[in-house]
C-alpha atoms as a PDB file:
ATOM      1  CA  UNK A   1       0.093  -0.085  -0.113  1.00  0.00           C
ATOM      2  CA  UNK A   2       1.145   3.484  -0.825  1.00  0.00           C
ATOM      3  CA  UNK A   3       2.795   5.127   2.198  1.00  0.00           C
ATOM      4  CA  UNK A   4       1.973   8.851   1.017  1.00  0.00           C
ATOM      5  CA  UNK A   5      -1.457   9.340   2.466  1.00  0.00           C
ATOM      6  CA  UNK A   6      -1.843  10.149   6.112  1.00  0.00           C
ATOM      7  CA  UNK A   7      -3.799   7.464   7.874  1.00  0.00           C
ATOM      8  CA  UNK A   8      -7.401   8.631   7.520  1.00  0.00           C
ATOM      9  CA  UNK A   9      -7.489   9.506   3.845  1.00  0.00           C
ATOM     10  CA  UNK A  10      -5.326   6.358   3.192  1.00  0.00           C
ATOM     11  CA  UNK A  11      -8.178   4.320   4.789  1.00  0.00           C
ATOM     12  CA  UNK A  12     -11.068   6.409   2.906  1.00  0.00           C
ATOM     13  CA  UNK A  13      -9.233   6.612  -0.470  1.00  0.00           C
ATOM     14  CA  UNK A  14      -7.343   3.315  -0.721  1.00  0.00           C
ATOM     15  CA  UNK A  15     -10.053   1.002   1.121  1.00  0.00           C
ATOM     16  CA  UNK A  16     -13.376   2.412   1.588  1.00  0.00           C
ATOM     17  CA  UNK A  17     -13.779   4.023  -1.743  1.00  0.00           C
ATOM     18  CA  UNK A  18     -12.689   1.140  -4.015  1.00  0.00           C
ATOM     19  CA  UNK A  19     -15.083  -1.031  -2.103  1.00  0.00           C
ATOM     20  CA  UNK A  20     -18.028   1.290  -2.417  1.00  0.00           C
ATOM     21  CA  UNK A  21     -16.996   1.412  -6.231  1.00  0.00           C
ATOM     22  CA  UNK A  22     -17.110  -2.364  -6.283  1.00  0.00           C
ATOM     23  CA  UNK A  23     -20.719  -2.138  -5.018  1.00  0.00           C
ATOM     24  CA  UNK A  24     -21.462   0.559  -7.704  1.00  0.00           C
ATOM     25  CA  UNK A  25     -20.325  -2.114 -10.233  1.00  0.00           C
ATOM     26  CA  UNK A  26     -22.188  -5.059  -8.841  1.00  0.00           C
ATOM     27  CA  UNK A  27     -25.696  -3.225  -8.395  1.00  0.00           C
ATOM     28  CA  UNK A  28     -26.435  -2.716 -12.026  1.00  0.00           C
ATOM     29  CA  UNK A  29     -25.296  -6.425 -12.938  1.00  0.00           C
ATOM     30  CA  UNK A  30     -27.359  -7.898 -10.237  1.00  0.00           C
ATOM     31  CA  UNK A  31     -30.550  -5.644 -10.595  1.00  0.00           C
ATOM     32  CA  UNK A  32     -30.202  -3.287 -13.634  1.00  0.00           C
ATOM     33  CA  UNK A  33     -34.024  -2.468 -13.369  1.00  0.00           C
ATOM     34  CA  UNK A  34     -33.756  -1.300  -9.634  1.00  0.00           C
ATOM     35  CA  UNK A  35     -30.319   0.580 -10.356  1.00  0.00           C
ATOM     36  CA  UNK A  36     -31.906   2.651 -13.056  1.00  0.00           C
ATOM     37  CA  UNK A  37     -35.416   3.335 -11.308  1.00  0.00           C
ATOM     38  CA  UNK A  38     -33.826   3.861  -7.841  1.00  0.00           C
ATOM     39  CA  UNK A  39     -31.684   6.760  -9.430  1.00  0.00           C
ATOM     40  CA  UNK A  40     -34.646   9.200  -9.170  1.00  0.00           C
ATOM     41  CA  UNK A  41     -36.379   9.034  -5.874  1.00  0.00           C
ATOM     42  CA  UNK A  42     -40.209   8.229  -5.723  1.00  0.00           C
ATOM     43  CA  UNK A  43     -39.975   7.095  -9.541  1.00  0.00           C
ATOM     44  CA  UNK A  44     -40.326   3.522 -10.572  1.00  0.00           C
ATOM     45  CA  UNK A  45     -40.657   3.137 -14.250  1.00  0.00           C
ATOM     46  CA  UNK A  46     -42.428   0.090 -15.378  1.00  0.00           C
ATOM     47  CA  UNK A  47     -39.932  -1.317 -18.159  1.00  0.00           C
ATOM     48  CA  UNK A  48     -36.384  -0.844 -18.651  1.00  0.00           C
ATOM     49  CA  UNK A  49     -35.444  -0.002 -22.047  1.00  0.00           C
ATOM     50  CA  UNK A  50     -32.679  -1.614 -23.806  1.00  0.00           C
ATOM     51  CA  UNK A  51     -30.890   1.706 -23.890  1.00  0.00           C
ATOM     52  CA  UNK A  52     -31.309   2.233 -20.260  1.00  0.00           C
ATOM     53  CA  UNK A  53     -30.114  -1.408 -19.444  1.00  0.00           C
ATOM     54  CA  UNK A  54     -26.780  -0.862 -21.543  1.00  0.00           C
ATOM     55  CA  UNK A  55     -26.169   2.330 -19.925  1.00  0.00           C
ATOM     56  CA  UNK A  56     -26.668   0.843 -16.454  1.00  0.00           C
ATOM     57  CA  UNK A  57     -24.064  -1.744 -17.306  1.00  0.00           C
ATOM     58  CA  UNK A  58     -21.785   0.526 -18.873  1.00  0.00           C
ATOM     59  CA  UNK A  59     -22.011   2.781 -15.702  1.00  0.00           C
ATOM     60  CA  UNK A  60     -21.435  -0.202 -13.545  1.00  0.00           C
ATOM     61  CA  UNK A  61     -18.214  -0.793 -15.720  1.00  0.00           C
ATOM     62  CA  UNK A  62     -17.022   2.715 -15.101  1.00  0.00           C
ATOM     63  CA  UNK A  63     -17.413   2.111 -11.362  1.00  0.00           C
ATOM     64  CA  UNK A  64     -15.304  -0.944 -11.723  1.00  0.00           C
ATOM     65  CA  UNK A  65     -12.800   1.020 -13.784  1.00  0.00           C
ATOM     66  CA  UNK A  66     -12.676   3.920 -11.074  1.00  0.00           C
ATOM     67  CA  UNK A  67     -11.942   1.157  -8.318  1.00  0.00           C
ATOM     68  CA  UNK A  68      -9.268  -0.409 -10.406  1.00  0.00           C
ATOM     69  CA  UNK A  69      -7.645   3.077 -11.124  1.00  0.00           C
ATOM     70  CA  UNK A  70      -7.789   3.991  -7.497  1.00  0.00           C
ATOM     71  CA  UNK A  71      -6.015   0.779  -6.450  1.00  0.00           C
ATOM     72  CA  UNK A  72      -3.489   1.078  -9.149  1.00  0.00           C
ATOM     73  CA  UNK A  73      -2.525   4.739  -8.203  1.00  0.00           C
ATOM     74  CA  UNK A  74      -2.890   4.484  -4.519  1.00  0.00           C
ATOM     75  CA  UNK A  75      -1.120   1.376  -3.992  1.00  0.00           C
ATOM     76  CA  UNK A  76       1.795   1.775  -6.552  1.00  0.00           C
ATOM     77  CA  UNK A  77       3.008   5.188  -6.560  1.00  0.00           C
ATOM     78  CA  UNK A  78       5.286   7.143  -4.408  1.00  0.00           C
ATOM     79  CA  UNK A  79       5.056  10.198  -6.089  1.00  0.00           C
ATOM     80  CA  UNK A  80       2.898  12.981  -4.058  1.00  0.00           C
ATOM     81  CA  UNK A  81       2.163  14.718  -7.210  1.00  0.00           C
ATOM     82  CA  UNK A  82       0.462  11.952  -8.750  1.00  0.00           C
ATOM     83  CA  UNK A  83      -1.640  11.372  -5.762  1.00  0.00           C
ATOM     84  CA  UNK A  84      -2.529  14.976  -5.303  1.00  0.00           C
ATOM     85  CA  UNK A  85      -3.606  15.223  -8.908  1.00  0.00           C
ATOM     86  CA  UNK A  86      -5.675  12.029  -8.738  1.00  0.00           C
ATOM     87  CA  UNK A  87      -7.577  13.400  -5.575  1.00  0.00           C
ATOM     88  CA  UNK A  88      -8.046  16.835  -7.389  1.00  0.00           C
ATOM     89  CA  UNK A  89      -9.533  15.026 -10.323  1.00  0.00           C
ATOM     90  CA  UNK A  90     -11.905  13.038  -8.145  1.00  0.00           C
ATOM     91  CA  UNK A  91     -12.575  16.321  -6.173  1.00  0.00           C
ATOM     92  CA  UNK A  92     -13.912  17.934  -9.491  1.00  0.00           C
ATOM     93  CA  UNK A  93     -15.757  14.838 -10.458  1.00  0.00           C
ATOM     94  CA  UNK A  94     -17.550  14.771  -7.011  1.00  0.00           C
ATOM     95  CA  UNK A  95     -19.003  18.125  -7.807  1.00  0.00           C
ATOM     96  CA  UNK A  96     -20.347  17.020 -11.046  1.00  0.00           C
ATOM     97  CA  UNK A  97     -21.828  13.805  -9.519  1.00  0.00           C
ATOM     98  CA  UNK A  98     -23.648  15.602  -6.754  1.00  0.00           C
ATOM     99  CA  UNK A  99     -24.881  18.602  -8.861  1.00  0.00           C
ATOM    100  CA  UNK A 100     -26.229  16.212 -11.462  1.00  0.00           C
ATOM    101  CA  UNK A 101     -28.061  14.083  -8.897  1.00  0.00           C
ATOM    102  CA  UNK A 102     -29.365  17.160  -7.237  1.00  0.00           C
ATOM    103  CA  UNK A 103     -30.684  18.608 -10.438  1.00  0.00           C
ATOM    104  CA  UNK A 104     -32.651  15.573 -11.380  1.00  0.00           C
ATOM    105  CA  UNK A 105     -34.197  14.808  -8.031  1.00  0.00           C
ATOM    106  CA  UNK A 106     -34.945  18.308  -7.187  1.00  0.00           C
ATOM    107  CA  UNK A 107     -34.580  20.425  -4.098  1.00  0.00           C
ATOM    108  CA  UNK A 108     -37.323  19.017  -2.203  1.00  0.00           C
ATOM    109  CA  UNK A 109     -36.220  15.371  -2.468  1.00  0.00           C
ATOM    110  CA  UNK A 110     -32.688  16.513  -2.061  1.00  0.00           C
ATOM    111  CA  UNK A 111     -33.303  18.053   1.340  1.00  0.00           C
ATOM    112  CA  UNK A 112     -35.658  15.249   2.403  1.00  0.00           C
ATOM    113  CA  UNK A 113     -33.024  12.911   3.596  1.00  0.00           C
ATOM    114  CA  UNK A 114     -35.297  10.816   5.263  1.00  0.00           C
ATOM    115  CA  UNK A 115     -36.693   9.657   2.011  1.00  0.00           C
ATOM    116  CA  UNK A 116     -33.364   8.714   0.626  1.00  0.00           C
ATOM    117  CA  UNK A 117     -32.826   5.236  -0.687  1.00  0.00           C
ATOM    118  CA  UNK A 118     -29.523   3.537  -0.897  1.00  0.00           C
ATOM    119  CA  UNK A 119     -28.660   5.045  -4.298  1.00  0.00           C
ATOM    120  CA  UNK A 120     -29.372   8.462  -2.961  1.00  0.00           C
ATOM    121  CA  UNK A 121     -27.021   7.930  -0.037  1.00  0.00           C
ATOM    122  CA  UNK A 122     -24.281   6.713  -2.404  1.00  0.00           C
ATOM    123  CA  UNK A 123     -24.936   9.505  -5.109  1.00  0.00           C
ATOM    124  CA  UNK A 124     -25.198  12.259  -2.548  1.00  0.00           C
ATOM    125  CA  UNK A 125     -24.300  11.160   0.855  1.00  0.00           C
ATOM    126  CA  UNK A 126     -21.248   9.225   0.135  1.00  0.00           C
ATOM    127  CA  UNK A 127     -20.009  11.554  -2.677  1.00  0.00           C
ATOM    128  CA  UNK A 128     -20.393  14.411  -0.276  1.00  0.00           C
ATOM    129  CA  UNK A 129     -18.349  12.574   2.420  1.00  0.00           C
ATOM    130  CA  UNK A 130     -15.660  12.021  -0.007  1.00  0.00           C
ATOM    131  CA  UNK A 131     -15.662  15.489  -1.234  1.00  0.00           C
ATOM    132  CA  UNK A 132     -15.327  16.773   2.199  1.00  0.00           C
ATOM    133  CA  UNK A 133     -12.457  14.308   2.811  1.00  0.00           C
ATOM    134  CA  UNK A 134     -10.689  15.287  -0.224  1.00  0.00           C
ATOM    135  CA  UNK A 135     -11.067  18.895   0.632  1.00  0.00           C
ATOM    136  CA  UNK A 136      -9.676  18.753   4.002  1.00  0.00           C
ATOM    137  CA  UNK A 137      -6.721  16.403   2.464  1.00  0.00           C
ATOM    138  CA  UNK A 138      -6.025  18.908  -0.177  1.00  0.00           C
ATOM    139  CA  UNK A 139      -5.989  21.764   2.341  1.00  0.00           C
ATOM    140  CA  UNK A 140      -3.446  19.752   4.511  1.00  0.00           C
ATOM    141  CA  UNK A 141      -5.829  19.216   7.582  1.00  0.00           C
ATOM    142  CA  UNK A 142      -4.738  15.491   8.065  1.00  0.00           C
ATOM    143  CA  UNK A 143      -1.104  16.495   8.106  1.00  0.00           C
ATOM    144  CA  UNK A 144       1.472  16.247   5.551  1.00  0.00           C
ATOM    145  CA  UNK A 145       1.883  13.354   2.890  1.00  0.00           C
ATOM    146  CA  UNK A 146       4.408  10.713   4.355  1.00  0.00           C
ATOM    147  CA  UNK A 147       7.337  10.488   1.887  1.00  0.00           C
ATOM    148  CA  UNK A 148       8.810   7.061   1.812  1.00  0.00           C
ATOM    149  CA  UNK A 149      12.641   7.093   2.501  1.00  0.00           C
ATOM    150  CA  UNK A 150      15.035   7.005  -0.208  1.00  0.00           C
ATOM    151  CA  UNK A 151      16.951   3.893  -0.738  1.00  0.00           C
ATOM    152  CA  UNK A 152      20.617   4.196   0.341  1.00  0.00           C
ATOM    153  CA  UNK A 153      21.674   1.395  -1.764  1.00  0.00           C
ATOM    154  CA  UNK A 154      23.795   2.473  -4.999  1.00  0.00           C
ATOM    155  CA  UNK A 155      24.132   0.494  -8.194  1.00  0.00           C
ATOM    156  CA  UNK A 156      27.931   0.433  -9.376  1.00  0.00           C
END
């Protein structure tokens, strides 16, 4: 595991986020109808079109891709700039994710947290938590990155 991230961001970004993304990959595979219809609160369409089905499966594939990219970057690099730029890219994507969801569900459903289903908690709640954690990391609130010690071995 990378030794660059401080402990709390390491847990969130290297363990919890990839696990949640794997959940995002499994959801449309196991039940594409529920995955699509639950994106909008209080709306259960009767039929899942072929287009919606393929988009759900493709979105699931994107979640798997994001999990694999996160694992690849955070478990292999020792370059602070790579980790920071990766976190910045996800920070920007978090904004788009929450704004798009909020736009579609509307203000009334957005603030009615008690009526949220599991997908609303993922799309809004979890993404907002990740955004806040990324913001705190980028502002240095968790402390400095941990720089791995340089090897003292020299090749002659």
